[in-house]
Amino acid sequence: MNRRQADSLELGPEVVRILLPHRRPMLMVDRVLAFGRTPVPWLRAERHISANEDVFDGHFPGLKLWPGIYTIEGLGQTCNLLRVLQGMLDQVEQHGGEPQQVLEALRNLELGFRLQPGFNQDLAERLVRDMPDPSSLLGFSTSVEMKFMAPIFAGQCLRYEVHQTHVIEQLVRWEVEAEVQGQPVARGVMTARIGVKLPTVEGLGRW
């Protein structure tokens, strides 16, 4: 996929769990690597595949082959993350706020989980307070057109990139790609009917 201009946004697993309702063993995103809003919203994320994943008990004994449906799920969750982030920024912008404030608050939250200097506890508490329940953030059923180019095995790092290309009312379409060590392993298009519960005006609308 063509690389677009990115905002500096790297988020680890603790922040991802705040933004997504999924949990292990079905949480398929470990980290957010980059996010951009132009020329279309896009997100890059990754998942490290451990040899200890529960799925390898049966898929397959003696050959730790990552199921293709899990790659699709990971791409779908990356689309989910993109919609959540984009929705948060749009909410602030629509009420006269500065979207960069939300990105700064997310970066600050990551500092806290990493025990890094410069962490602002009050800002972190404000962000978490204004976020909705992750289980109500997003629900969708998808139409998936996917081509798989190579197998994925335990010990590899699976990287996702998704680009939102169309929005028509509640229908959203993304171009998606997964790669391992810079080589594409899956590529396709996902289309979804979205139901999003975003932070309220009383929350992020004040930012």
Protein backbone atom coordinates (compact mmCIF):
# COMPACT_ATOMS: atom_id res chain seq x y z
CA MET A 1 0.00 0.00 0.00
CA ASN A 2 1.11 3.58 -0.55
CA ARG A 3 2.52 5.14 2.61
CA ARG A 4 0.77 8.34 3.63
CA GLN A 5 1.78 11.14 5.95
CA ALA A 6 1.40 9.91 9.52
CA ASP A 7 0.77 11.46 12.89
CA SER A 8 3.23 10.18 15.46
CA LEU A 9 1.12 7.69 17.37
CA GLU A 10 2.51 4.51 18.89
CA LEU A 11 0.28 2.75 21.41
CA GLY A 12 1.03 -0.44 23.30
CA PRO A 13 -1.23 -3.30 24.35
CA GLU A 14 -2.62 -1.62 27.47
CA VAL A 15 -3.96 1.36 25.50
CA VAL A 16 -5.21 -0.93 22.72
CA ARG A 17 -7.28 -2.79 25.32
CA ILE A 18 -8.88 0.50 26.36
CA LEU A 19 -9.86 1.26 22.77
CA LEU A 20 -11.03 -2.24 21.74
CA PRO A 21 -13.61 -4.52 23.37
CA HIS A 22 -11.77 -7.71 22.36
CA ARG A 23 -9.75 -9.76 24.83
CA ARG A 24 -7.34 -12.69 24.59
CA PRO A 25 -7.36 -15.14 22.98
CA MET A 26 -9.35 -13.16 20.38
CA LEU A 27 -7.52 -9.85 20.70
CA MET A 28 -5.57 -9.73 17.45
CA VAL A 29 -3.80 -6.36 17.78
CA ASP A 30 -0.84 -5.78 20.10
CA ARG A 31 0.30 -2.32 19.06
CA VAL A 32 -0.64 0.73 17.03
CA LEU A 33 2.37 1.81 14.97
CA ALA A 34 1.11 4.81 12.98
CA PHE A 35 -2.07 6.74 12.26
CA GLY A 36 -2.96 9.28 9.60
CA ARG A 37 -6.02 11.28 8.56
CA THR A 38 -4.96 12.40 5.07
CA PRO A 39 -5.59 11.91 2.25
CA VAL A 40 -7.82 9.22 3.77
CA PRO A 41 -7.90 7.86 7.35
CA TRP A 42 -5.46 4.98 7.78
CA LEU A 43 -3.83 2.95 10.52
CA ARG A 44 -0.86 0.63 10.87
CA ALA A 45 -0.76 -1.96 13.68
CA GLU A 46 0.84 -5.28 14.52
CA ARG A 47 0.43 -8.62 16.30
CA HIS A 48 3.30 -10.79 17.55
CA ILE A 49 2.42 -14.45 17.14
CA SER A 50 3.63 -16.58 20.03
CA ALA A 51 4.26 -20.30 19.81
CA ASN A 52 2.06 -20.57 22.93
CA GLU A 53 -1.15 -19.37 21.23
CA ASP A 54 -4.09 -21.60 22.18
CA VAL A 55 -5.06 -22.06 18.54
CA PHE A 56 -1.84 -24.00 17.82
CA ASP A 57 -3.08 -26.88 19.96
CA GLY A 58 -5.27 -27.87 17.04
CA HIS A 59 -4.03 -25.85 14.02
CA PHE A 60 -2.01 -27.93 13.55
CA PRO A 61 -0.17 -30.28 15.95
CA GLY A 62 3.43 -30.31 14.76
CA LEU A 63 2.93 -27.32 12.44
CA LYS A 64 2.17 -23.99 14.08
CA LEU A 65 0.28 -22.43 11.17
CA TRP A 66 -1.64 -19.22 11.89
CA PRO A 67 -5.26 -19.54 10.70
CA GLY A 68 -6.23 -17.25 7.84
CA ILE A 69 -9.46 -16.32 9.64
CA TYR A 70 -7.33 -14.90 12.47
CA THR A 71 -5.53 -12.67 9.98
CA ILE A 72 -8.90 -11.45 8.75
CA GLU A 73 -9.99 -10.83 12.34
CA GLY A 74 -6.81 -8.85 13.02
CA LEU A 75 -7.41 -6.69 9.98
CA GLY A 76 -11.02 -6.18 11.09
CA GLN A 77 -9.90 -5.12 14.57
CA THR A 78 -7.44 -2.68 13.00
CA CYS A 79 -10.35 -1.20 11.03
CA ASN A 80 -12.23 -1.04 14.32
CA LEU A 81 -9.36 0.88 15.94
CA LEU A 82 -9.20 3.29 13.03
CA ARG A 83 -12.91 4.05 13.30
CA VAL A 84 -12.65 4.61 17.04
CA LEU A 85 -9.66 6.96 16.72
CA GLN A 86 -11.17 8.82 13.80
CA GLY A 87 -14.49 9.10 15.63
CA MET A 88 -12.82 10.55 18.73
CA LEU A 89 -11.01 13.19 16.70
CA ASP A 90 -14.11 14.05 14.68
CA GLN A 91 -16.13 14.43 17.88
CA VAL A 92 -13.68 16.96 19.27
CA GLU A 93 -13.39 18.84 15.98
CA GLN A 94 -17.16 19.10 15.55
CA HIS A 95 -17.41 20.90 18.88
CA GLY A 96 -14.65 23.40 18.24
CA GLY A 97 -11.82 21.52 19.91
CA GLU A 98 -8.38 20.62 18.65
CA PRO A 99 -8.02 16.94 17.55
CA GLN A 100 -4.32 16.99 18.41
CA GLN A 101 -5.33 17.22 22.07
CA VAL A 102 -6.79 13.72 21.89
CA LEU A 103 -3.65 12.34 20.23
CA GLU A 104 -1.54 14.00 22.92
CA ALA A 105 -3.75 12.46 25.61
CA LEU A 106 -3.31 9.00 24.07
CA ARG A 107 0.46 9.48 23.88
CA ASN A 108 0.45 10.58 27.49
CA LEU A 109 -1.51 7.48 28.49
CA GLU A 110 1.11 5.32 26.78
CA LEU A 111 3.83 7.14 28.76
CA GLY A 112 2.06 6.12 31.96
CA PHE A 113 1.90 2.45 31.02
CA ARG A 114 5.60 2.59 30.08
CA LEU A 115 6.56 4.34 33.35
CA GLN A 116 8.18 7.12 31.32
CA PRO A 117 8.97 10.65 32.51
CA GLY A 118 6.55 13.40 31.56
CA PHE A 119 3.41 11.39 32.33
CA ASN A 120 0.44 13.56 33.32
CA GLN A 121 -1.85 11.64 35.67
CA ASP A 122 -4.69 14.19 35.50
CA LEU A 123 -4.75 14.11 31.70
CA ALA A 124 -4.78 10.30 31.68
CA GLU A 125 -7.66 10.15 34.15
CA ARG A 126 -9.60 12.68 32.09
CA LEU A 127 -9.17 10.68 28.90
CA VAL A 128 -10.17 7.37 30.51
CA ARG A 129 -13.15 9.03 32.22
CA ASP A 130 -14.45 10.46 28.93
CA MET A 131 -14.06 7.23 26.98
CA PRO A 132 -17.18 5.04 26.60
CA ASP A 133 -17.28 1.40 27.65
CA PRO A 134 -15.05 -0.49 25.15
CA SER A 135 -17.72 -3.17 24.73
CA SER A 136 -20.06 -0.58 23.24
CA LEU A 137 -17.59 1.18 20.97
CA LEU A 138 -18.23 -0.59 17.71
CA GLY A 139 -20.12 -3.48 16.26
CA PHE A 140 -20.19 -4.56 12.64
CA SER A 141 -20.82 -7.40 10.28
CA THR A 142 -18.45 -7.48 7.32
CA SER A 143 -18.21 -8.47 3.73
CA VAL A 144 -14.67 -9.68 3.11
CA GLU A 145 -12.79 -10.10 -0.16
CA MET A 146 -9.35 -11.45 0.73
CA LYS A 147 -6.43 -12.95 -1.12
CA PHE A 148 -3.78 -14.88 0.82
CA MET A 149 -0.27 -14.87 -0.62
CA ALA A 150 1.84 -16.71 1.97
CA PRO A 151 1.47 -18.76 5.17
CA ILE A 152 2.09 -17.25 8.61
CA PHE A 153 3.82 -19.17 11.40
CA ALA A 154 4.49 -18.90 15.12
CA GLY A 155 7.32 -16.53 16.01
CA GLN A 156 6.51 -14.05 13.26
CA CYS A 157 5.30 -10.47 13.59
CA LEU A 158 2.16 -9.81 11.56
CA ARG A 159 1.70 -6.18 10.51
CA TYR A 160 -1.61 -4.74 9.40
CA GLU A 161 -2.39 -1.63 7.38
CA VAL A 162 -5.91 -0.43 6.65
CA HIS A 163 -7.14 2.55 4.61
CA GLN A 164 -10.71 3.82 4.87
CA THR A 165 -11.76 4.53 1.28
CA HIS A 166 -15.53 5.05 1.35
CA VAL A 167 -18.22 6.03 3.87
CA ILE A 168 -21.88 6.02 2.85
CA GLU A 169 -24.09 6.57 5.89
CA GLN A 170 -23.34 3.51 8.06
CA LEU A 171 -21.49 1.60 5.35
CA VAL A 172 -17.69 1.83 5.47
CA ARG A 173 -15.15 0.28 3.13
CA TRP A 174 -11.45 -0.31 3.74
CA GLU A 175 -8.53 -1.51 1.66
CA VAL A 176 -6.52 -3.81 3.94
CA GLU A 177 -3.16 -5.55 3.85
CA ALA A 178 -1.16 -7.78 6.17
CA GLU A 179 2.56 -8.40 5.85
CA VAL A 180 5.39 -10.31 7.51
CA GLN A 181 8.94 -8.94 7.29
CA GLY A 182 7.87 -6.48 4.62
CA GLN A 183 6.29 -9.13 2.39
CA PRO A 184 2.50 -9.12 1.82
CA VAL A 185 0.75 -12.22 3.15
CA ALA A 186 -2.88 -11.09 2.71
CA ARG A 187 -4.59 -8.28 0.86
CA GLY A 188 -8.20 -7.36 0.19
CA VAL A 189 -11.23 -5.22 0.88
CA MET A 190 -13.53 -5.18 3.90
CA THR A 191 -16.98 -3.59 3.92
CA ALA A 192 -18.97 -3.09 7.09
CA ARG A 193 -22.18 -1.71 8.46
CA ILE A 194 -21.11 0.31 11.47
CA GLY A 195 -22.76 1.11 14.74
CA VAL A 196 -20.52 3.39 16.78
CA LYS A 197 -21.05 4.75 20.27
CA LEU A 198 -18.65 7.66 20.57
CA PRO A 199 -17.79 9.77 23.59
CA THR A 200 -20.55 12.28 24.30
CA VAL A 201 -20.42 16.03 23.99
CA GLU A 202 -20.16 16.15 27.78
CA GLY A 203 -16.99 14.05 27.46
CA LEU A 204 -14.61 14.53 24.55
CA GLY A 205 -16.77 17.35 23.21
CA ARG A 206 -15.24 19.61 25.86
CA TRP A 207 -11.65 18.97 24.75
